[in-house]
């Protein structure tokens, strides 16, 4: 192996906007929002909305199942079904929150791109 160092890199750092002298920090420019990105933002918005509605419906149905199970001892299986729904709600809540945060960031980026007047590519 050689003890030689690679030659120094001349020019602006990678990701720096054009027209910036070398050695000067410049805020990197955000990439353009494509039509595909906009489409995925809409798809994920709907997916998060549908998941939230399904979880709300599961919560209501679990309460209904508990009432049915409490009403008659022969319908005790409904209580277990309510517990299964609660486990599903508990498992789905972090996924729903993560999806909502991602959708919010995507929608904000799309709105910001629209505000600056850049057309989608």
C-alpha atoms as a PDB file:
ATOM      1  CA  UNK A   1       0.000   0.000   0.000  1.00  0.00           C
ATOM      2  CA  UNK A   2       1.113   3.468  -0.746  1.00  0.00           C
ATOM      3  CA  UNK A   3       1.457   6.218   1.862  1.00  0.00           C
ATOM      4  CA  UNK A   4       0.377   8.815  -0.642  1.00  0.00           C
ATOM      5  CA  UNK A   5      -2.692  10.890   0.063  1.00  0.00           C
ATOM      6  CA  UNK A   6      -5.247  11.421  -2.697  1.00  0.00           C
ATOM      7  CA  UNK A   7      -5.019  14.822  -4.376  1.00  0.00           C
ATOM      8  CA  UNK A   8      -7.185  17.554  -2.795  1.00  0.00           C
ATOM      9  CA  UNK A   9     -10.609  18.085  -4.298  1.00  0.00           C
ATOM     10  CA  UNK A  10     -11.045  21.423  -5.968  1.00  0.00           C
ATOM     11  CA  UNK A  11     -14.405  23.010  -6.442  1.00  0.00           C
ATOM     12  CA  UNK A  12     -17.559  23.422  -4.426  1.00  0.00           C
ATOM     13  CA  UNK A  13     -18.673  20.690  -2.043  1.00  0.00           C
ATOM     14  CA  UNK A  14     -21.216  18.210  -3.388  1.00  0.00           C
ATOM     15  CA  UNK A  15     -24.765  19.462  -3.135  1.00  0.00           C
ATOM     16  CA  UNK A  16     -23.771  23.134  -3.087  1.00  0.00           C
ATOM     17  CA  UNK A  17     -25.686  25.433  -5.440  1.00  0.00           C
ATOM     18  CA  UNK A  18     -23.892  26.689  -8.530  1.00  0.00           C
ATOM     19  CA  UNK A  19     -22.239  30.075  -8.337  1.00  0.00           C
ATOM     20  CA  UNK A  20     -21.027  29.673  -4.746  1.00  0.00           C
ATOM     21  CA  UNK A  21     -17.285  30.197  -4.279  1.00  0.00           C
ATOM     22  CA  UNK A  22     -15.378  27.236  -2.844  1.00  0.00           C
ATOM     23  CA  UNK A  23     -15.101  27.124   0.929  1.00  0.00           C
ATOM     24  CA  UNK A  24     -18.305  29.129   1.480  1.00  0.00           C
ATOM     25  CA  UNK A  25     -21.279  27.337   2.989  1.00  0.00           C
ATOM     26  CA  UNK A  26     -24.549  27.695   1.139  1.00  0.00           C
ATOM     27  CA  UNK A  27     -27.887  26.201   2.108  1.00  0.00           C
ATOM     28  CA  UNK A  28     -28.568  23.231  -0.180  1.00  0.00           C
ATOM     29  CA  UNK A  29     -31.545  23.579  -2.443  1.00  0.00           C
ATOM     30  CA  UNK A  30     -34.510  21.258  -1.980  1.00  0.00           C
ATOM     31  CA  UNK A  31     -35.243  18.839  -4.773  1.00  0.00           C
ATOM     32  CA  UNK A  32     -38.229  19.410  -6.984  1.00  0.00           C
ATOM     33  CA  UNK A  33     -41.529  17.813  -6.063  1.00  0.00           C
ATOM     34  CA  UNK A  34     -42.481  15.437  -8.863  1.00  0.00           C
ATOM     35  CA  UNK A  35     -45.938  14.435 -10.013  1.00  0.00           C
ATOM     36  CA  UNK A  36     -45.319  10.952  -8.597  1.00  0.00           C
ATOM     37  CA  UNK A  37     -44.500  12.443  -5.184  1.00  0.00           C
ATOM     38  CA  UNK A  38     -47.749  14.434  -5.274  1.00  0.00           C
ATOM     39  CA  UNK A  39     -49.697  11.308  -6.212  1.00  0.00           C
ATOM     40  CA  UNK A  40     -48.179   9.331  -3.335  1.00  0.00           C
ATOM     41  CA  UNK A  41     -48.997  12.163  -0.934  1.00  0.00           C
ATOM     42  CA  UNK A  42     -52.672  11.901  -1.934  1.00  0.00           C
ATOM     43  CA  UNK A  43     -52.665   8.087  -1.769  1.00  0.00           C
ATOM     44  CA  UNK A  44     -51.082   8.061   1.689  1.00  0.00           C
ATOM     45  CA  UNK A  45     -53.470  10.763   2.898  1.00  0.00           C
ATOM     46  CA  UNK A  46     -56.419   8.583   1.918  1.00  0.00           C
ATOM     47  CA  UNK A  47     -54.807   5.470   3.406  1.00  0.00           C
ATOM     48  CA  UNK A  48     -54.278   7.178   6.763  1.00  0.00           C
ATOM     49  CA  UNK A  49     -57.835   8.519   6.698  1.00  0.00           C
ATOM     50  CA  UNK A  50     -59.326   5.102   5.962  1.00  0.00           C
ATOM     51  CA  UNK A  51     -57.193   3.492   8.672  1.00  0.00           C
ATOM     52  CA  UNK A  52     -58.351   6.112  11.193  1.00  0.00           C
ATOM     53  CA  UNK A  53     -62.004   5.512  10.299  1.00  0.00           C
ATOM     54  CA  UNK A  54     -61.554   1.739  10.621  1.00  0.00           C
ATOM     55  CA  UNK A  55     -59.901   2.129  14.020  1.00  0.00           C
ATOM     56  CA  UNK A  56     -62.724   4.393  15.226  1.00  0.00           C
ATOM     57  CA  UNK A  57     -65.258   1.836  13.995  1.00  0.00           C
ATOM     58  CA  UNK A  58     -63.350  -0.954  15.782  1.00  0.00           C
ATOM     59  CA  UNK A  59     -63.428   1.062  19.015  1.00  0.00           C
ATOM     60  CA  UNK A  60     -67.184   1.591  18.764  1.00  0.00           C
ATOM     61  CA  UNK A  61     -67.779  -2.069  17.918  1.00  0.00           C
ATOM     62  CA  UNK A  62     -65.652  -3.208  20.857  1.00  0.00           C
ATOM     63  CA  UNK A  63     -67.866  -1.213  23.219  1.00  0.00           C
ATOM     64  CA  UNK A  64     -70.959  -2.696  21.555  1.00  0.00           C
ATOM     65  CA  UNK A  65     -69.495  -6.197  21.937  1.00  0.00           C
ATOM     66  CA  UNK A  66     -68.837  -5.558  25.623  1.00  0.00           C
ATOM     67  CA  UNK A  67     -72.447  -4.459  26.118  1.00  0.00           C
ATOM     68  CA  UNK A  68     -73.684  -7.600  24.341  1.00  0.00           C
ATOM     69  CA  UNK A  69     -71.373  -9.798  26.416  1.00  0.00           C
ATOM     70  CA  UNK A  70     -72.540  -8.165  29.643  1.00  0.00           C
ATOM     71  CA  UNK A  71     -76.198  -8.534  28.721  1.00  0.00           C
ATOM     72  CA  UNK A  72     -76.248 -12.326  28.511  1.00  0.00           C
ATOM     73  CA  UNK A  73     -73.786 -14.969  29.743  1.00  0.00           C
ATOM     74  CA  UNK A  74     -74.320 -17.036  26.597  1.00  0.00           C
ATOM     75  CA  UNK A  75     -72.813 -14.172  24.578  1.00  0.00           C
ATOM     76  CA  UNK A  76     -69.547 -14.065  26.563  1.00  0.00           C
ATOM     77  CA  UNK A  77     -67.521 -14.632  23.401  1.00  0.00           C
ATOM     78  CA  UNK A  78     -68.275 -11.051  22.376  1.00  0.00           C
ATOM     79  CA  UNK A  79     -66.169  -9.873  25.318  1.00  0.00           C
ATOM     80  CA  UNK A  80     -63.192 -11.784  23.962  1.00  0.00           C
ATOM     81  CA  UNK A  81     -63.813 -10.329  20.525  1.00  0.00           C
ATOM     82  CA  UNK A  82     -63.759  -6.857  22.087  1.00  0.00           C
ATOM     83  CA  UNK A  83     -60.375  -7.664  23.636  1.00  0.00           C
ATOM     84  CA  UNK A  84     -59.049  -8.766  20.252  1.00  0.00           C
ATOM     85  CA  UNK A  85     -60.218  -5.486  18.753  1.00  0.00           C
ATOM     86  CA  UNK A  86     -58.452  -3.552  21.524  1.00  0.00           C
ATOM     87  CA  UNK A  87     -55.211  -5.396  20.793  1.00  0.00           C
ATOM     88  CA  UNK A  88     -55.597  -4.484  17.117  1.00  0.00           C
ATOM     89  CA  UNK A  89     -56.222  -0.860  18.007  1.00  0.00           C
ATOM     90  CA  UNK A  90     -53.189  -0.802  20.311  1.00  0.00           C
ATOM     91  CA  UNK A  91     -51.000  -2.309  17.590  1.00  0.00           C
ATOM     92  CA  UNK A  92     -52.346  -0.016  14.875  1.00  0.00           C
ATOM     93  CA  UNK A  93     -52.083   3.275  16.748  1.00  0.00           C
ATOM     94  CA  UNK A  94     -48.286   3.732  16.348  1.00  0.00           C
ATOM     95  CA  UNK A  95     -48.572   2.844  12.667  1.00  0.00           C
ATOM     96  CA  UNK A  96     -51.360   5.371  12.239  1.00  0.00           C
ATOM     97  CA  UNK A  97     -49.351   8.080  14.011  1.00  0.00           C
ATOM     98  CA  UNK A  98     -46.259   7.375  11.891  1.00  0.00           C
ATOM     99  CA  UNK A  99     -48.336   7.516   8.730  1.00  0.00           C
ATOM    100  CA  UNK A 100     -49.989  10.764   9.762  1.00  0.00           C
ATOM    101  CA  UNK A 101     -46.621  12.399  10.489  1.00  0.00           C
ATOM    102  CA  UNK A 102     -45.261  11.291   7.109  1.00  0.00           C
ATOM    103  CA  UNK A 103     -48.344  12.525   5.283  1.00  0.00           C
ATOM    104  CA  UNK A 104     -48.146  15.870   7.056  1.00  0.00           C
ATOM    105  CA  UNK A 105     -44.534  16.350   5.975  1.00  0.00           C
ATOM    106  CA  UNK A 106     -45.315  15.315   2.409  1.00  0.00           C
ATOM    107  CA  UNK A 107     -48.326  17.624   2.146  1.00  0.00           C
ATOM    108  CA  UNK A 108     -46.330  20.516   3.622  1.00  0.00           C
ATOM    109  CA  UNK A 109     -43.581  19.992   1.063  1.00  0.00           C
ATOM    110  CA  UNK A 110     -46.112  19.928  -1.784  1.00  0.00           C
ATOM    111  CA  UNK A 111     -47.786  23.126  -0.499  1.00  0.00           C
ATOM    112  CA  UNK A 112     -44.416  24.838  -0.133  1.00  0.00           C
ATOM    113  CA  UNK A 113     -43.499  23.914  -3.705  1.00  0.00           C
ATOM    114  CA  UNK A 114     -46.872  25.244  -4.923  1.00  0.00           C
ATOM    115  CA  UNK A 115     -46.377  28.488  -3.006  1.00  0.00           C
ATOM    116  CA  UNK A 116     -43.012  29.165  -4.663  1.00  0.00           C
ATOM    117  CA  UNK A 117     -44.624  28.783  -8.065  1.00  0.00           C
ATOM    118  CA  UNK A 118     -42.674  25.786  -9.318  1.00  0.00           C
ATOM    119  CA  UNK A 119     -44.709  23.561 -11.593  1.00  0.00           C
ATOM    120  CA  UNK A 120     -44.610  19.821 -10.990  1.00  0.00           C
ATOM    121  CA  UNK A 121     -42.335  17.846 -13.259  1.00  0.00           C
END
